[in-house]
Amino acid sequence: MEFYETIIGKRFFEHQLPRLLDTLERIGNTLENLQNVSFIQPFSAAFTTESQEEELLALLYDRVLKSNGFSKATRLAKGRQETLSALGKLEKTLSKEQWNLFLQYNAAVNLHSSEESQEMFRQGYGTAIRLMAVGLLTNENKENGKKG
């Protein structure tokens, strides 16, 4: 027996899937017509406390995005090779003291860049959640007969 022939399968394909598709379409339409999202800031804060959100986002950024191949993306490989080549040339031209200073500087720049990337990820994640919530709130208001 195939899944679509079971009671659960029929329920999924006849009731749940159409509702899911309608909801996604309404969210998409709302986002296309959206003009003002400032009212949703308080709503988004209700999802988690700030410390929980920071922990979740750090986990997502560090363990999911970095470890699932983002750092190995082929379009980044060329830039990485050029960087390593330039780094090798620089090491050969600098004195040992200058090279150590450069390594300290480079570590500080890399730390800043990593923190900046994580903050951009956090901001992007928050924006995505707010935009999704706007669609849900607007559609909920329409279903209840209110203007959204």
N, C-alpha and C. Protein backbone atom coordinates (compact mmCIF):
# COMPACT_ATOMS: atom_id res chain seq x y z
N MET A 1 0.85 -1.17 0.00
CA MET A 1 0.00 0.00 0.00
C MET A 1 0.89 1.24 0.00
N GLU A 2 0.60 2.17 -0.87
CA GLU A 2 1.35 3.42 -0.97
C GLU A 2 0.87 4.40 0.10
N PHE A 3 1.74 5.35 0.44
CA PHE A 3 1.41 6.33 1.48
C PHE A 3 0.11 7.07 1.17
N TYR A 4 -0.09 7.48 -0.08
CA TYR A 4 -1.28 8.26 -0.43
C TYR A 4 -2.56 7.44 -0.31
N GLU A 5 -2.44 6.11 -0.22
CA GLU A 5 -3.61 5.25 -0.08
C GLU A 5 -4.00 5.02 1.38
N THR A 6 -3.13 5.37 2.31
CA THR A 6 -3.43 5.18 3.73
C THR A 6 -4.31 6.31 4.22
N ILE A 7 -4.91 6.13 5.39
CA ILE A 7 -5.76 7.17 5.98
C ILE A 7 -4.94 8.42 6.24
N ILE A 8 -3.75 8.23 6.80
CA ILE A 8 -2.88 9.37 7.08
C ILE A 8 -2.46 10.05 5.78
N GLY A 9 -2.13 9.27 4.77
CA GLY A 9 -1.74 9.84 3.48
C GLY A 9 -2.86 10.63 2.84
N LYS A 10 -4.08 10.08 2.88
CA LYS A 10 -5.23 10.81 2.32
C LYS A 10 -5.45 12.11 3.07
N ARG A 11 -5.36 12.05 4.40
CA ARG A 11 -5.54 13.26 5.21
C ARG A 11 -4.48 14.30 4.84
N PHE A 12 -3.24 13.82 4.67
CA PHE A 12 -2.16 14.74 4.32
C PHE A 12 -2.41 15.39 2.96
N PHE A 13 -2.67 14.59 1.94
CA PHE A 13 -2.80 15.12 0.58
C PHE A 13 -4.11 15.88 0.36
N GLU A 14 -5.18 15.49 1.05
CA GLU A 14 -6.47 16.14 0.82
C GLU A 14 -6.71 17.35 1.71
N HIS A 15 -6.10 17.37 2.89
CA HIS A 15 -6.38 18.45 3.83
C HIS A 15 -5.15 19.28 4.20
N GLN A 16 -4.11 18.60 4.68
CA GLN A 16 -2.97 19.33 5.20
C GLN A 16 -2.13 19.99 4.12
N LEU A 17 -1.82 19.28 3.05
CA LEU A 17 -0.99 19.85 1.98
C LEU A 17 -1.64 21.07 1.32
N PRO A 18 -2.93 21.01 0.97
CA PRO A 18 -3.55 22.22 0.39
C PRO A 18 -3.52 23.42 1.35
N ARG A 19 -3.73 23.16 2.65
CA ARG A 19 -3.68 24.27 3.61
C ARG A 19 -2.27 24.84 3.72
N LEU A 20 -1.27 23.96 3.70
CA LEU A 20 0.12 24.40 3.74
C LEU A 20 0.45 25.26 2.52
N LEU A 21 0.05 24.81 1.35
CA LEU A 21 0.31 25.57 0.12
C LEU A 21 -0.40 26.91 0.14
N ASP A 22 -1.66 26.94 0.61
CA ASP A 22 -2.39 28.21 0.73
C ASP A 22 -1.68 29.16 1.68
N THR A 23 -1.23 28.64 2.80
CA THR A 23 -0.53 29.48 3.78
C THR A 23 0.76 30.04 3.21
N LEU A 24 1.54 29.20 2.54
CA LEU A 24 2.78 29.68 1.92
C LEU A 24 2.49 30.73 0.85
N GLU A 25 1.44 30.54 0.09
CA GLU A 25 1.08 31.52 -0.93
C GLU A 25 0.67 32.85 -0.29
N ARG A 26 -0.10 32.78 0.79
CA ARG A 26 -0.51 34.02 1.48
C ARG A 26 0.69 34.74 2.07
N ILE A 27 1.62 33.99 2.65
CA ILE A 27 2.84 34.61 3.18
C ILE A 27 3.61 35.29 2.06
N GLY A 28 3.76 34.61 0.94
CA GLY A 28 4.45 35.19 -0.21
C GLY A 28 3.77 36.45 -0.71
N ASN A 29 2.45 36.41 -0.84
CA ASN A 29 1.70 37.59 -1.31
C ASN A 29 1.83 38.74 -0.33
N THR A 30 1.77 38.44 0.95
CA THR A 30 1.91 39.48 1.96
C THR A 30 3.29 40.12 1.89
N LEU A 31 4.31 39.30 1.76
CA LEU A 31 5.67 39.83 1.69
C LEU A 31 5.87 40.68 0.44
N GLU A 32 5.24 40.30 -0.66
CA GLU A 32 5.34 41.10 -1.89
C GLU A 32 4.72 42.47 -1.71
N ASN A 33 3.64 42.55 -0.94
CA ASN A 33 2.90 43.80 -0.78
C ASN A 33 3.25 44.54 0.50
N LEU A 34 4.21 44.04 1.23
CA LEU A 34 4.56 44.60 2.53
C LEU A 34 5.22 45.97 2.38
N GLN A 35 4.77 46.92 3.19
CA GLN A 35 5.37 48.26 3.14
C GLN A 35 6.00 48.65 4.47
N ASN A 36 5.44 48.19 5.57
CA ASN A 36 5.95 48.63 6.88
C ASN A 36 6.04 47.44 7.82
N VAL A 37 7.26 47.12 8.26
CA VAL A 37 7.43 45.99 9.17
C VAL A 37 7.79 46.42 10.58
N SER A 38 7.76 47.70 10.88
CA SER A 38 8.23 48.17 12.19
C SER A 38 7.34 47.69 13.33
N PHE A 39 6.08 47.39 13.06
CA PHE A 39 5.18 46.98 14.14
C PHE A 39 5.49 45.58 14.65
N ILE A 40 6.30 44.83 13.99
CA ILE A 40 6.52 43.45 14.36
C ILE A 40 7.68 43.22 15.33
N GLN A 41 8.46 44.25 15.58
CA GLN A 41 9.60 44.13 16.50
C GLN A 41 9.18 43.54 17.85
N PRO A 42 8.13 44.08 18.52
CA PRO A 42 7.76 43.50 19.82
C PRO A 42 7.33 42.04 19.69
N PHE A 43 6.67 41.70 18.61
CA PHE A 43 6.21 40.33 18.40
C PHE A 43 7.38 39.37 18.30
N SER A 44 8.42 39.76 17.57
CA SER A 44 9.55 38.86 17.38
C SER A 44 10.31 38.63 18.68
N ALA A 45 10.26 39.59 19.59
CA ALA A 45 10.97 39.45 20.87
C ALA A 45 10.34 38.36 21.74
N ALA A 46 9.10 38.01 21.46
CA ALA A 46 8.41 37.02 22.28
C ALA A 46 8.87 35.60 21.99
N PHE A 47 9.61 35.38 20.90
CA PHE A 47 10.01 34.02 20.56
C PHE A 47 10.96 33.43 21.58
N THR A 48 11.97 34.17 21.97
CA THR A 48 12.95 33.67 22.94
C THR A 48 13.52 34.85 23.70
N THR A 49 14.22 34.54 24.77
CA THR A 49 14.96 35.60 25.43
C THR A 49 16.19 35.90 24.58
N GLU A 50 16.81 37.03 24.81
CA GLU A 50 17.96 37.41 24.00
C GLU A 50 19.11 36.42 24.15
N SER A 51 19.37 35.95 25.38
CA SER A 51 20.48 35.01 25.56
C SER A 51 20.20 33.68 24.88
N GLN A 52 18.94 33.21 24.93
CA GLN A 52 18.60 31.97 24.24
C GLN A 52 18.75 32.14 22.73
N GLU A 53 18.33 33.31 22.23
CA GLU A 53 18.45 33.57 20.79
C GLU A 53 19.91 33.59 20.37
N GLU A 54 20.76 34.24 21.16
CA GLU A 54 22.19 34.30 20.84
C GLU A 54 22.79 32.90 20.81
N GLU A 55 22.43 32.07 21.79
CA GLU A 55 22.96 30.70 21.83
C GLU A 55 22.50 29.91 20.62
N LEU A 56 21.22 30.03 20.28
CA LEU A 56 20.68 29.32 19.13
C LEU A 56 21.38 29.75 17.85
N LEU A 57 21.54 31.05 17.66
CA LEU A 57 22.15 31.55 16.44
C LEU A 57 23.63 31.19 16.36
N ALA A 58 24.32 31.23 17.48
CA ALA A 58 25.73 30.82 17.48
C ALA A 58 25.84 29.34 17.11
N LEU A 59 24.95 28.53 17.64
CA LEU A 59 24.95 27.11 17.31
C LEU A 59 24.66 26.90 15.83
N LEU A 60 23.65 27.59 15.31
CA LEU A 60 23.33 27.47 13.89
C LEU A 60 24.51 27.90 13.03
N TYR A 61 25.09 29.04 13.36
CA TYR A 61 26.18 29.59 12.55
C TYR A 61 27.41 28.69 12.61
N ASP A 62 27.82 28.33 13.81
CA ASP A 62 29.07 27.57 13.98
C ASP A 62 28.97 26.12 13.55
N ARG A 63 27.90 25.46 13.95
CA ARG A 63 27.83 24.01 13.73
C ARG A 63 27.13 23.63 12.44
N VAL A 64 26.18 24.41 12.01
CA VAL A 64 25.42 24.03 10.82
C VAL A 64 25.99 24.65 9.57
N LEU A 65 26.07 25.97 9.52
CA LEU A 65 26.51 26.63 8.30
C LEU A 65 27.98 26.38 8.01
N LYS A 66 28.84 26.58 9.00
CA LYS A 66 30.27 26.41 8.76
C LYS A 66 30.62 24.96 8.46
N SER A 67 30.01 24.03 9.18
CA SER A 67 30.39 22.62 9.03
C SER A 67 29.75 21.95 7.83
N ASN A 68 28.73 22.54 7.25
CA ASN A 68 28.05 21.91 6.11
C ASN A 68 28.53 22.41 4.77
N GLY A 69 29.78 22.75 4.69
CA GLY A 69 30.37 23.02 3.39
C GLY A 69 30.43 24.47 2.96
N PHE A 70 29.88 25.39 3.74
CA PHE A 70 29.95 26.78 3.31
C PHE A 70 31.39 27.22 3.16
N SER A 71 32.24 26.83 4.10
CA SER A 71 33.65 27.23 4.03
C SER A 71 34.39 26.51 2.92
N LYS A 72 33.78 25.46 2.34
CA LYS A 72 34.43 24.72 1.27
C LYS A 72 33.81 25.03 -0.09
N ALA A 73 32.98 26.06 -0.16
CA ALA A 73 32.30 26.39 -1.41
C ALA A 73 33.32 26.62 -2.51
N THR A 74 33.06 26.06 -3.68
CA THR A 74 34.03 26.12 -4.78
C THR A 74 34.29 27.55 -5.24
N ARG A 75 33.29 28.40 -5.18
CA ARG A 75 33.53 29.77 -5.64
C ARG A 75 34.44 30.55 -4.70
N LEU A 76 34.63 30.05 -3.49
CA LEU A 76 35.55 30.70 -2.55
C LEU A 76 36.97 30.16 -2.68
N ALA A 77 37.13 29.04 -3.35
CA ALA A 77 38.44 28.38 -3.43
C ALA A 77 39.49 29.24 -4.13
N LYS A 78 39.10 29.94 -5.20
CA LYS A 78 40.06 30.76 -5.93
C LYS A 78 40.62 31.87 -5.04
N GLY A 79 39.75 32.55 -4.34
CA GLY A 79 40.18 33.61 -3.43
C GLY A 79 41.06 33.08 -2.32
N ARG A 80 40.74 31.90 -1.84
CA ARG A 80 41.54 31.28 -0.78
C ARG A 80 42.94 30.98 -1.28
N GLN A 81 43.05 30.45 -2.50
CA GLN A 81 44.36 30.14 -3.09
C GLN A 81 45.18 31.41 -3.29
N GLU A 82 44.55 32.47 -3.77
CA GLU A 82 45.25 33.74 -3.97
C GLU A 82 45.75 34.29 -2.64
N THR A 83 44.93 34.16 -1.61
CA THR A 83 45.31 34.64 -0.29
C THR A 83 46.50 33.86 0.25
N LEU A 84 46.46 32.55 0.12
CA LEU A 84 47.58 31.72 0.61
C LEU A 84 48.86 32.00 -0.16
N SER A 85 48.75 32.23 -1.45
CA SER A 85 49.92 32.55 -2.26
C SER A 85 50.54 33.87 -1.82
N ALA A 86 49.70 34.88 -1.63
CA ALA A 86 50.19 36.19 -1.19
C ALA A 86 50.80 36.09 0.20
N LEU A 87 50.19 35.28 1.06
CA LEU A 87 50.69 35.11 2.42
C LEU A 87 52.09 34.48 2.40
N GLY A 88 52.30 33.50 1.55
CA GLY A 88 53.62 32.87 1.43
C GLY A 88 54.67 33.86 0.97
N LYS A 89 54.32 34.71 -0.01
CA LYS A 89 55.25 35.72 -0.50
C LYS A 89 55.57 36.74 0.59
N LEU A 90 54.54 37.13 1.34
CA LEU A 90 54.73 38.12 2.40
C LEU A 90 55.65 37.58 3.49
N GLU A 91 55.46 36.33 3.86
CA GLU A 91 56.30 35.73 4.90
C GLU A 91 57.78 35.74 4.49
N LYS A 92 58.04 35.52 3.22
CA LYS A 92 59.42 35.50 2.74
C LYS A 92 60.07 36.89 2.75
N THR A 93 59.28 37.94 2.63
CA THR A 93 59.84 39.30 2.54
C THR A 93 59.95 40.00 3.89
N LEU A 94 59.20 39.55 4.89
CA LEU A 94 59.22 40.21 6.20
C LEU A 94 60.26 39.58 7.12
N SER A 95 60.77 40.42 8.03
CA SER A 95 61.66 39.88 9.07
C SER A 95 60.81 39.05 10.04
N LYS A 96 61.48 38.30 10.90
CA LYS A 96 60.75 37.47 11.86
C LYS A 96 59.87 38.32 12.77
N GLU A 97 60.39 39.46 13.23
CA GLU A 97 59.62 40.36 14.10
C GLU A 97 58.42 40.93 13.35
N GLN A 98 58.64 41.37 12.12
CA GLN A 98 57.54 41.90 11.31
C GLN A 98 56.49 40.83 11.03
N TRP A 99 56.97 39.62 10.76
CA TRP A 99 56.04 38.52 10.49
C TRP A 99 55.17 38.23 11.71
N ASN A 100 55.77 38.24 12.92
CA ASN A 100 54.99 38.02 14.14
C ASN A 100 53.97 39.13 14.36
N LEU A 101 54.36 40.37 14.09
CA LEU A 101 53.41 41.48 14.19
C LEU A 101 52.27 41.31 13.19
N PHE A 102 52.62 40.90 11.98
CA PHE A 102 51.59 40.68 10.98
C PHE A 102 50.63 39.57 11.42
N LEU A 103 51.16 38.49 11.99
CA LEU A 103 50.31 37.39 12.45
C LEU A 103 49.35 37.85 13.54
N GLN A 104 49.83 38.71 14.45
CA GLN A 104 48.96 39.26 15.49
C GLN A 104 47.86 40.12 14.86
N TYR A 105 48.26 40.96 13.92
CA TYR A 105 47.30 41.81 13.22
C TYR A 105 46.28 40.94 12.48
N ASN A 106 46.76 39.93 11.77
CA ASN A 106 45.89 39.05 10.99
C ASN A 106 44.90 38.31 11.88
N ALA A 107 45.35 37.86 13.05
CA ALA A 107 44.47 37.18 13.99
C ALA A 107 43.36 38.11 14.46
N ALA A 108 43.72 39.38 14.74
CA ALA A 108 42.72 40.35 15.18
C ALA A 108 41.71 40.64 14.06
N VAL A 109 42.20 40.78 12.83
CA VAL A 109 41.31 41.02 11.69
C VAL A 109 40.38 39.83 11.47
N ASN A 110 40.93 38.63 11.56
CA ASN A 110 40.11 37.42 11.38
C ASN A 110 39.04 37.30 12.46
N LEU A 111 39.39 37.61 13.69
CA LEU A 111 38.42 37.56 14.78
C LEU A 111 37.30 38.57 14.52
N HIS A 112 37.69 39.78 14.15
CA HIS A 112 36.70 40.81 13.85
C HIS A 112 35.80 40.39 12.69
N SER A 113 36.40 39.84 11.66
CA SER A 113 35.63 39.40 10.49
C SER A 113 34.66 38.29 10.86
N SER A 114 35.09 37.37 11.69
CA SER A 114 34.22 36.28 12.13
C SER A 114 33.06 36.81 12.95
N GLU A 115 33.35 37.73 13.87
CA GLU A 115 32.29 38.33 14.69
C GLU A 115 31.33 39.12 13.82
N GLU A 116 31.86 39.82 12.83
CA GLU A 116 31.02 40.59 11.92
C GLU A 116 30.12 39.67 11.10
N SER A 117 30.66 38.57 10.61
CA SER A 117 29.87 37.59 9.85
C SER A 117 28.77 36.99 10.72
N GLN A 118 29.11 36.69 11.96
CA GLN A 118 28.11 36.12 12.86
C GLN A 118 27.00 37.14 13.14
N GLU A 119 27.36 38.40 13.30
CA GLU A 119 26.35 39.44 13.52
C GLU A 119 25.47 39.62 12.29
N MET A 120 26.06 39.58 11.10
CA MET A 120 25.26 39.68 9.88
C MET A 120 24.30 38.50 9.78
N PHE A 121 24.77 37.31 10.15
CA PHE A 121 23.89 36.14 10.15
C PHE A 121 22.75 36.35 11.13
N ARG A 122 23.07 36.84 12.33
CA ARG A 122 22.05 37.08 13.35
C ARG A 122 21.01 38.07 12.85
N GLN A 123 21.47 39.15 12.23
CA GLN A 123 20.55 40.16 11.71
C GLN A 123 19.69 39.58 10.59
N GLY A 124 20.29 38.81 9.71
CA GLY A 124 19.54 38.19 8.61
C GLY A 124 18.51 37.20 9.12
N TYR A 125 18.88 36.41 10.11
CA TYR A 125 17.96 35.44 10.69
C TYR A 125 16.78 36.17 11.33
N GLY A 126 17.08 37.21 12.10
CA GLY A 126 16.02 37.98 12.74
C GLY A 126 15.09 38.62 11.73
N THR A 127 15.65 39.14 10.65
CA THR A 127 14.83 39.74 9.60
C THR A 127 13.93 38.70 8.95
N ALA A 128 14.47 37.53 8.67
CA ALA A 128 13.68 36.47 8.06
C ALA A 128 12.52 36.06 8.96
N ILE A 129 12.78 35.91 10.25
CA ILE A 129 11.72 35.54 11.20
C ILE A 129 10.66 36.64 11.25
N ARG A 130 11.09 37.90 11.29
CA ARG A 130 10.12 39.00 11.32
C ARG A 130 9.25 39.03 10.07
N LEU A 131 9.87 38.83 8.92
CA LEU A 131 9.10 38.84 7.67
C LEU A 131 8.11 37.68 7.63
N MET A 132 8.52 36.52 8.11
CA MET A 132 7.59 35.40 8.16
C MET A 132 6.44 35.71 9.12
N ALA A 133 6.76 36.29 10.26
CA ALA A 133 5.73 36.61 11.24
C ALA A 133 4.77 37.65 10.71
N VAL A 134 5.27 38.62 9.95
CA VAL A 134 4.39 39.63 9.35
C VAL A 134 3.36 38.94 8.47
N GLY A 135 3.79 38.00 7.66
CA GLY A 135 2.86 37.28 6.81
C GLY A 135 1.84 36.51 7.61
N LEU A 136 2.28 35.88 8.68
CA LEU A 136 1.36 35.12 9.52
C LEU A 136 0.38 36.03 10.23
N LEU A 137 0.86 37.14 10.78
CA LEU A 137 -0.02 38.07 11.48
C LEU A 137 -1.02 38.70 10.53
N THR A 138 -0.56 39.11 9.37
CA THR A 138 -1.44 39.75 8.40
C THR A 138 -2.54 38.79 7.97
N ASN A 139 -2.18 37.56 7.68
CA ASN A 139 -3.17 36.58 7.26
C ASN A 139 -4.11 36.21 8.39
N GLU A 140 -3.62 36.17 9.62
CA GLU A 140 -4.47 35.88 10.77
C GLU A 140 -5.50 36.99 10.93
N ASN A 141 -5.07 38.26 10.76
CA ASN A 141 -6.00 39.38 10.86
C ASN A 141 -7.05 39.32 9.77
N LYS A 142 -6.67 38.95 8.55
CA LYS A 142 -7.62 38.84 7.45
C LYS A 142 -8.65 37.76 7.74
N GLU A 143 -8.19 36.64 8.28
CA GLU A 143 -9.11 35.55 8.59
C GLU A 143 -10.08 35.94 9.70
N ASN A 144 -9.65 36.81 10.60
CA ASN A 144 -10.52 37.26 11.69
C ASN A 144 -11.35 38.48 11.30
N GLY A 145 -11.25 38.93 10.06
CA GLY A 145 -12.03 40.06 9.59
C GLY A 145 -11.45 41.41 9.93
N LYS A 146 -10.21 41.46 10.36
CA LYS A 146 -9.56 42.73 10.70
C LYS A 146 -8.70 43.17 9.54
N LYS A 147 -8.41 44.46 9.48
CA LYS A 147 -7.47 44.96 8.47
C LYS A 147 -6.07 44.69 8.95
N GLY A 148 -5.17 44.21 8.02
CA GLY A 148 -3.79 43.90 8.40
C GLY A 148 -2.88 44.81 7.79
